[in-house]
C-alpha atoms as a PDB file:
ATOM      1  CA  UNK A   1      12.695 -10.033  -6.298  1.00  0.00           C
ATOM      2  CA  UNK A   2      11.964 -13.040  -7.988  1.00  0.00           C
ATOM      3  CA  UNK A   3      14.087 -15.896  -7.737  1.00  0.00           C
ATOM      4  CA  UNK A   4      14.144 -17.782 -11.006  1.00  0.00           C
ATOM      5  CA  UNK A   5      16.066 -21.243 -11.071  1.00  0.00           C
ATOM      6  CA  UNK A   6      18.037 -21.552 -14.486  1.00  0.00           C
ATOM      7  CA  UNK A   7      18.233 -25.055 -14.397  1.00  0.00           C
ATOM      8  CA  UNK A   8      15.098 -25.298 -14.860  1.00  0.00           C
ATOM      9  CA  UNK A   9      14.199 -21.890 -17.464  1.00  0.00           C
ATOM     10  CA  UNK A  10      13.284 -22.109 -21.065  1.00  0.00           C
ATOM     11  CA  UNK A  11      13.562 -18.901 -23.523  1.00  0.00           C
ATOM     12  CA  UNK A  12      10.080 -19.115 -23.718  1.00  0.00           C
ATOM     13  CA  UNK A  13       9.940 -18.103 -20.071  1.00  0.00           C
ATOM     14  CA  UNK A  14      12.502 -15.608 -20.336  1.00  0.00           C
ATOM     15  CA  UNK A  15      10.363 -14.623 -22.980  1.00  0.00           C
ATOM     16  CA  UNK A  16       7.638 -14.284 -20.629  1.00  0.00           C
ATOM     17  CA  UNK A  17       9.507 -12.540 -18.112  1.00  0.00           C
ATOM     18  CA  UNK A  18      10.561  -9.405 -20.236  1.00  0.00           C
ATOM     19  CA  UNK A  19       7.060  -9.153 -21.557  1.00  0.00           C
ATOM     20  CA  UNK A  20       5.085  -9.382 -18.124  1.00  0.00           C
ATOM     21  CA  UNK A  21       7.992  -7.922 -15.235  1.00  0.00           C
ATOM     22  CA  UNK A  22       6.653  -4.823 -14.991  1.00  0.00           C
ATOM     23  CA  UNK A  23       3.690  -3.144 -16.983  1.00  0.00           C
ATOM     24  CA  UNK A  24       3.222   0.583 -17.375  1.00  0.00           C
ATOM     25  CA  UNK A  25       0.199   2.312 -15.903  1.00  0.00           C
ATOM     26  CA  UNK A  26      -0.714   4.532 -18.365  1.00  0.00           C
ATOM     27  CA  UNK A  27      -4.212   6.825 -19.198  1.00  0.00           C
ATOM     28  CA  UNK A  28      -5.977   3.311 -20.138  1.00  0.00           C
ATOM     29  CA  UNK A  29      -7.786   3.470 -17.041  1.00  0.00           C
ATOM     30  CA  UNK A  30      -9.643   0.257 -17.504  1.00  0.00           C
ATOM     31  CA  UNK A  31      -6.396  -1.486 -18.521  1.00  0.00           C
ATOM     32  CA  UNK A  32      -5.213  -2.065 -14.272  1.00  0.00           C
ATOM     33  CA  UNK A  33      -8.880  -1.431 -12.983  1.00  0.00           C
ATOM     34  CA  UNK A  34      -7.342  -3.253  -9.257  1.00  0.00           C
ATOM     35  CA  UNK A  35      -5.150  -0.704  -9.401  1.00  0.00           C
ATOM     36  CA  UNK A  36      -7.555   2.705 -10.044  1.00  0.00           C
ATOM     37  CA  UNK A  37     -10.641   1.222  -9.315  1.00  0.00           C
ATOM     38  CA  UNK A  38      -9.892   0.081  -5.667  1.00  0.00           C
ATOM     39  CA  UNK A  39     -11.498   1.214  -3.281  1.00  0.00           C
ATOM     40  CA  UNK A  40      -9.331   1.622   0.325  1.00  0.00           C
ATOM     41  CA  UNK A  41     -10.510  -0.328   3.387  1.00  0.00           C
ATOM     42  CA  UNK A  42      -8.658  -0.538   6.247  1.00  0.00           C
ATOM     43  CA  UNK A  43      -7.565  -3.785   7.207  1.00  0.00           C
ATOM     44  CA  UNK A  44      -6.221  -5.268  10.490  1.00  0.00           C
ATOM     45  CA  UNK A  45      -3.390  -6.498  11.381  1.00  0.00           C
ATOM     46  CA  UNK A  46      -0.778  -7.884  14.276  1.00  0.00           C
ATOM     47  CA  UNK A  47       0.524  -4.422  16.804  1.00  0.00           C
ATOM     48  CA  UNK A  48      -3.560  -2.953  15.594  1.00  0.00           C
ATOM     49  CA  UNK A  49      -5.327  -1.882  19.090  1.00  0.00           C
ATOM     50  CA  UNK A  50      -8.930  -2.676  19.270  1.00  0.00           C
ATOM     51  CA  UNK A  51     -11.856  -1.377  21.187  1.00  0.00           C
ATOM     52  CA  UNK A  52     -14.614  -3.867  22.333  1.00  0.00           C
ATOM     53  CA  UNK A  53     -17.885  -2.904  24.087  1.00  0.00           C
ATOM     54  CA  UNK A  54     -20.815  -5.658  24.434  1.00  0.00           C
ATOM     55  CA  UNK A  55     -24.082  -4.036  25.596  1.00  0.00           C
ATOM     56  CA  UNK A  56     -25.309  -6.107  28.578  1.00  0.00           C
ATOM     57  CA  UNK A  57     -22.721  -7.394  30.173  1.00  0.00           C
ATOM     58  CA  UNK A  58     -18.900  -6.255  30.921  1.00  0.00           C
ATOM     59  CA  UNK A  59     -17.220  -9.845  30.618  1.00  0.00           C
ATOM     60  CA  UNK A  60     -15.077  -8.606  27.517  1.00  0.00           C
ATOM     61  CA  UNK A  61     -14.998  -5.258  27.672  1.00  0.00           C
ATOM     62  CA  UNK A  62     -12.160  -3.466  27.221  1.00  0.00           C
ATOM     63  CA  UNK A  63      -8.666  -2.783  24.277  1.00  0.00           C
ATOM     64  CA  UNK A  64      -7.216  -5.388  22.543  1.00  0.00           C
ATOM     65  CA  UNK A  65      -4.111  -5.933  20.395  1.00  0.00           C
ATOM     66  CA  UNK A  66      -3.914  -8.195  17.209  1.00  0.00           C
ATOM     67  CA  UNK A  67      -0.888 -10.840  18.035  1.00  0.00           C
ATOM     68  CA  UNK A  68       1.316 -11.863  15.417  1.00  0.00           C
ATOM     69  CA  UNK A  69      -1.059 -14.949  14.669  1.00  0.00           C
ATOM     70  CA  UNK A  70      -3.032 -12.436  14.052  1.00  0.00           C
ATOM     71  CA  UNK A  71      -6.053 -13.032  16.110  1.00  0.00           C
ATOM     72  CA  UNK A  72      -7.202 -11.380  19.425  1.00  0.00           C
ATOM     73  CA  UNK A  73      -8.159 -14.064  23.128  1.00  0.00           C
ATOM     74  CA  UNK A  74     -10.675 -13.028  24.561  1.00  0.00           C
ATOM     75  CA  UNK A  75     -11.959 -14.175  28.062  1.00  0.00           C
ATOM     76  CA  UNK A  76     -13.834 -17.280  28.677  1.00  0.00           C
ATOM     77  CA  UNK A  77     -13.836 -17.526  24.721  1.00  0.00           C
ATOM     78  CA  UNK A  78     -10.675 -17.499  23.329  1.00  0.00           C
ATOM     79  CA  UNK A  79      -8.441 -16.805  20.203  1.00  0.00           C
ATOM     80  CA  UNK A  80     -10.464 -15.099  17.798  1.00  0.00           C
ATOM     81  CA  UNK A  81      -8.576 -14.320  13.964  1.00  0.00           C
ATOM     82  CA  UNK A  82      -9.172 -11.438  12.646  1.00  0.00           C
ATOM     83  CA  UNK A  83      -5.751 -10.508  10.828  1.00  0.00           C
ATOM     84  CA  UNK A  84      -6.691  -9.064   7.246  1.00  0.00           C
ATOM     85  CA  UNK A  85     -11.017  -7.966   8.088  1.00  0.00           C
ATOM     86  CA  UNK A  86     -12.094  -4.953   7.768  1.00  0.00           C
ATOM     87  CA  UNK A  87     -13.865  -3.636  10.792  1.00  0.00           C
ATOM     88  CA  UNK A  88     -17.188  -4.896   9.744  1.00  0.00           C
ATOM     89  CA  UNK A  89     -15.984  -7.873   8.442  1.00  0.00           C
ATOM     90  CA  UNK A  90     -14.612  -8.410  12.189  1.00  0.00           C
ATOM     91  CA  UNK A  91     -17.484  -7.076  13.359  1.00  0.00           C
ATOM     92  CA  UNK A  92     -19.401 -10.065  11.928  1.00  0.00           C
ATOM     93  CA  UNK A  93     -16.723 -12.243  13.081  1.00  0.00           C
ATOM     94  CA  UNK A  94     -16.749 -11.671  16.808  1.00  0.00           C
ATOM     95  CA  UNK A  95     -20.393 -11.365  16.603  1.00  0.00           C
ATOM     96  CA  UNK A  96     -20.585 -15.061  14.952  1.00  0.00           C
ATOM     97  CA  UNK A  97     -18.434 -17.069  17.714  1.00  0.00           C
ATOM     98  CA  UNK A  98     -19.424 -14.340  20.621  1.00  0.00           C
ATOM     99  CA  UNK A  99     -23.364 -15.411  19.950  1.00  0.00           C
ATOM    100  CA  UNK A 100     -22.623 -19.010  20.713  1.00  0.00           C
ATOM    101  CA  UNK A 101     -21.726 -17.640  24.660  1.00  0.00           C
ATOM    102  CA  UNK A 102     -24.190 -14.693  25.035  1.00  0.00           C
ATOM    103  CA  UNK A 103     -27.652 -15.005  23.444  1.00  0.00           C
ATOM    104  CA  UNK A 104     -28.003 -12.080  21.133  1.00  0.00           C
ATOM    105  CA  UNK A 105     -24.720 -10.505  22.039  1.00  0.00           C
ATOM    106  CA  UNK A 106     -25.151  -6.122  21.140  1.00  0.00           C
ATOM    107  CA  UNK A 107     -21.627  -5.998  19.828  1.00  0.00           C
ATOM    108  CA  UNK A 108     -19.360  -2.620  19.196  1.00  0.00           C
ATOM    109  CA  UNK A 109     -15.995  -2.513  17.977  1.00  0.00           C
ATOM    110  CA  UNK A 110     -13.617   0.637  17.520  1.00  0.00           C
ATOM    111  CA  UNK A 111      -9.629   0.602  16.327  1.00  0.00           C
ATOM    112  CA  UNK A 112      -7.848   2.907  18.689  1.00  0.00           C
ATOM    113  CA  UNK A 113      -4.774   2.508  17.451  1.00  0.00           C
ATOM    114  CA  UNK A 114      -3.717   1.582  13.829  1.00  0.00           C
ATOM    115  CA  UNK A 115      -0.183   0.128  13.340  1.00  0.00           C
ATOM    116  CA  UNK A 116       0.134  -2.490  10.836  1.00  0.00           C
ATOM    117  CA  UNK A 117      -1.068  -1.096   7.790  1.00  0.00           C
ATOM    118  CA  UNK A 118       1.785   1.446   5.713  1.00  0.00           C
ATOM    119  CA  UNK A 119       2.529   2.415   2.184  1.00  0.00           C
ATOM    120  CA  UNK A 120       5.959   3.780   1.336  1.00  0.00           C
ATOM    121  CA  UNK A 121       8.060   6.525  -0.686  1.00  0.00           C
ATOM    122  CA  UNK A 122      11.594   5.330  -1.461  1.00  0.00           C
ATOM    123  CA  UNK A 123      14.416   7.174  -3.903  1.00  0.00           C
ATOM    124  CA  UNK A 124      15.246  10.683  -5.603  1.00  0.00           C
ATOM    125  CA  UNK A 125      12.790  12.163  -3.620  1.00  0.00           C
ATOM    126  CA  UNK A 126      13.252  14.885  -0.912  1.00  0.00           C
ATOM    127  CA  UNK A 127      11.477  13.194   2.082  1.00  0.00           C
ATOM    128  CA  UNK A 128      11.569   9.191   1.828  1.00  0.00           C
ATOM    129  CA  UNK A 129       8.732   8.108   4.336  1.00  0.00           C
ATOM    130  CA  UNK A 130       7.023   5.698   5.768  1.00  0.00           C
ATOM    131  CA  UNK A 131       3.365   6.893   5.781  1.00  0.00           C
ATOM    132  CA  UNK A 132       0.762   5.163   8.319  1.00  0.00           C
ATOM    133  CA  UNK A 133      -2.568   4.475   7.506  1.00  0.00           C
ATOM    134  CA  UNK A 134      -5.619   4.938   8.891  1.00  0.00           C
ATOM    135  CA  UNK A 135      -9.483   4.148   8.055  1.00  0.00           C
ATOM    136  CA  UNK A 136      -8.979   7.814   6.071  1.00  0.00           C
ATOM    137  CA  UNK A 137      -7.750   6.951   2.842  1.00  0.00           C
ATOM    138  CA  UNK A 138      -4.530   8.145   0.978  1.00  0.00           C
ATOM    139  CA  UNK A 139      -3.909   9.234  -2.583  1.00  0.00           C
ATOM    140  CA  UNK A 140      -0.798   8.997  -4.462  1.00  0.00           C
ATOM    141  CA  UNK A 141      -0.528  12.826  -5.613  1.00  0.00           C
ATOM    142  CA  UNK A 142      -1.155  13.218  -0.966  1.00  0.00           C
ATOM    143  CA  UNK A 143       1.678  10.750  -0.121  1.00  0.00           C
ATOM    144  CA  UNK A 144       3.652  12.505  -3.284  1.00  0.00           C
ATOM    145  CA  UNK A 145       3.209  16.184  -1.523  1.00  0.00           C
ATOM    146  CA  UNK A 146       4.470  14.406   1.601  1.00  0.00           C
ATOM    147  CA  UNK A 147       7.594  13.029   0.103  1.00  0.00           C
ATOM    148  CA  UNK A 148       7.839  16.389  -0.855  1.00  0.00           C
ATOM    149  CA  UNK A 149       7.645  15.860  -4.649  1.00  0.00           C
ATOM    150  CA  UNK A 150       8.346  18.639  -6.117  1.00  0.00           C
ATOM    151  CA  UNK A 151       7.542  19.293 -10.121  1.00  0.00           C
ATOM    152  CA  UNK A 152       8.286  22.880 -11.101  1.00  0.00           C
ATOM    153  CA  UNK A 153      11.598  22.449  -8.842  1.00  0.00           C
ATOM    154  CA  UNK A 154      15.084  23.907 -10.628  1.00  0.00           C
ATOM    155  CA  UNK A 155      16.550  20.300  -9.410  1.00  0.00           C
ATOM    156  CA  UNK A 156      17.072  17.781 -12.382  1.00  0.00           C
ATOM    157  CA  UNK A 157      18.321  14.724  -9.933  1.00  0.00           C
ATOM    158  CA  UNK A 158      14.613  14.112  -8.847  1.00  0.00           C
ATOM    159  CA  UNK A 159      12.174  12.309 -11.162  1.00  0.00           C
ATOM    160  CA  UNK A 160       8.250  11.829 -11.456  1.00  0.00           C
ATOM    161  CA  UNK A 161       9.042   8.029 -12.741  1.00  0.00           C
ATOM    162  CA  UNK A 162       9.099   5.406 -10.788  1.00  0.00           C
ATOM    163  CA  UNK A 163       7.296   2.002 -10.044  1.00  0.00           C
ATOM    164  CA  UNK A 164       4.265   0.903  -7.905  1.00  0.00           C
ATOM    165  CA  UNK A 165       4.779  -2.493  -6.083  1.00  0.00           C
ATOM    166  CA  UNK A 166       1.891  -4.210  -4.837  1.00  0.00           C
ATOM    167  CA  UNK A 167       0.381  -7.505  -4.453  1.00  0.00           C
ATOM    168  CA  UNK A 168       3.627  -8.843  -5.479  1.00  0.00           C
ATOM    169  CA  UNK A 169       3.168  -7.056  -8.887  1.00  0.00           C
ATOM    170  CA  UNK A 170       4.977  -3.536 -10.124  1.00  0.00           C
ATOM    171  CA  UNK A 171       3.860  -0.959 -11.990  1.00  0.00           C
ATOM    172  CA  UNK A 172       5.917   1.916 -14.052  1.00  0.00           C
ATOM    173  CA  UNK A 173       4.094   4.395 -12.548  1.00  0.00           C
ATOM    174  CA  UNK A 174       4.609   8.424 -13.863  1.00  0.00           C
ATOM    175  CA  UNK A 175       3.234  11.199 -11.050  1.00  0.00           C
ATOM    176  CA  UNK A 176       3.540  13.448 -13.867  1.00  0.00           C
ATOM    177  CA  UNK A 177       0.048  11.683 -15.430  1.00  0.00           C
ATOM    178  CA  UNK A 178      -1.182  12.052 -12.263  1.00  0.00           C
ATOM    179  CA  UNK A 179      -0.990  16.117 -12.261  1.00  0.00           C
ATOM    180  CA  UNK A 180      -2.174  16.231 -15.678  1.00  0.00           C
ATOM    181  CA  UNK A 181      -4.904  13.803 -16.401  1.00  0.00           C
ATOM    182  CA  UNK A 182      -8.700  14.911 -16.104  1.00  0.00           C
ATOM    183  CA  UNK A 183      -9.457  11.757 -14.371  1.00  0.00           C
ATOM    184  CA  UNK A 184      -9.060  11.416 -11.192  1.00  0.00           C
ATOM    185  CA  UNK A 185      -8.728   7.719 -11.229  1.00  0.00           C
ATOM    186  CA  UNK A 186      -4.900   8.218 -12.259  1.00  0.00           C
ATOM    187  CA  UNK A 187      -4.763  10.266  -8.465  1.00  0.00           C
ATOM    188  CA  UNK A 188      -5.343   6.644  -7.262  1.00  0.00           C
ATOM    189  CA  UNK A 189      -5.744   5.229  -3.195  1.00  0.00           C
ATOM    190  CA  UNK A 190      -2.910   3.158  -2.071  1.00  0.00           C
ATOM    191  CA  UNK A 191      -3.017   0.309   0.132  1.00  0.00           C
ATOM    192  CA  UNK A 192      -1.138  -1.567   2.849  1.00  0.00           C
ATOM    193  CA  UNK A 193       2.015  -2.542   1.636  1.00  0.00           C
ATOM    194  CA  UNK A 194       2.178  -0.074  -1.139  1.00  0.00           C
ATOM    195  CA  UNK A 195       5.469   0.618  -2.281  1.00  0.00           C
ATOM    196  CA  UNK A 196       6.731   3.482  -4.235  1.00  0.00           C
ATOM    197  CA  UNK A 197       9.723   4.303  -5.586  1.00  0.00           C
ATOM    198  CA  UNK A 198      10.631   7.451  -7.521  1.00  0.00           C
ATOM    199  CA  UNK A 199      13.743   7.042  -9.926  1.00  0.00           C
ATOM    200  CA  UNK A 200      16.214   9.518 -10.844  1.00  0.00           C
ATOM    201  CA  UNK A 201      15.116  12.039 -13.512  1.00  0.00           C
ATOM    202  CA  UNK A 202      16.096   9.371 -16.340  1.00  0.00           C
ATOM    203  CA  UNK A 203      15.145  12.081 -19.108  1.00  0.00           C
ATOM    204  CA  UNK A 204      19.238  12.884 -19.014  1.00  0.00           C
ATOM    205  CA  UNK A 205      22.475  12.410 -21.684  1.00  0.00           C
ATOM    206  CA  UNK A 206      25.712  11.320 -19.465  1.00  0.00           C
ATOM    207  CA  UNK A 207      28.520  13.275 -22.124  1.00  0.00           C
ATOM    208  CA  UNK A 208      32.838  12.617 -21.463  1.00  0.00           C
ATOM    209  CA  UNK A 209      35.983  12.016 -22.901  1.00  0.00           C
ATOM    210  CA  UNK A 210      37.720  14.876 -25.094  1.00  0.00           C
ATOM    211  CA  UNK A 211      35.326  17.528 -24.579  1.00  0.00           C
ATOM    212  CA  UNK A 212      35.120  20.982 -22.752  1.00  0.00           C
ATOM    213  CA  UNK A 213      32.091  20.711 -20.688  1.00  0.00           C
ATOM    214  CA  UNK A 214      31.811  16.741 -19.738  1.00  0.00           C
ATOM    215  CA  UNK A 215      28.517  15.858 -17.965  1.00  0.00           C
ATOM    216  CA  UNK A 216      24.848  15.580 -17.709  1.00  0.00           C
ATOM    217  CA  UNK A 217      22.752  17.045 -19.961  1.00  0.00           C
ATOM    218  CA  UNK A 218      18.550  16.824 -18.807  1.00  0.00           C
END
């Protein structure tokens, strides 16, 4: 939700908001290359647990949990910030600090528990789920199947259109595009903190009043 201070808003601002608030994800791949061309990498965050192994010394060997400040606390060395880093970036960061204390350190790290990276599927799906992301990438279609999305279902209540919220931006999506497109990039990778909201079937009209069969017609 964007909070807009109305006493400072101009007509031009509202025009801009209306045009840019929600952009449409379609088959124009280059239009949203930050989504279609996103290559998934797991990034470390709070509550993740990593294992450190330092060759030739066991001073700092062991498991460490990333705290709420995004750091781990190593014996004799102190706190090192590693959140929002990939595993390779975290390893390079640790080596750059540890080499001040150990000569030519040979350091290996691995992720023991994946706790910080999640994506969410909500709305008109049979299973509203939280997906725990790990080092294996997952695409939108795989996630939709986990949420029991079924485009051939007899139920008309469940739609395929909705929105994707990523990095504080909102995009319209249609899972039918993913299914029908011949371009695999339509089936994009999920990213940490993605929220997918599927709306109820919008291809409907509501008939009411003095008619013999009021109701919803698709």
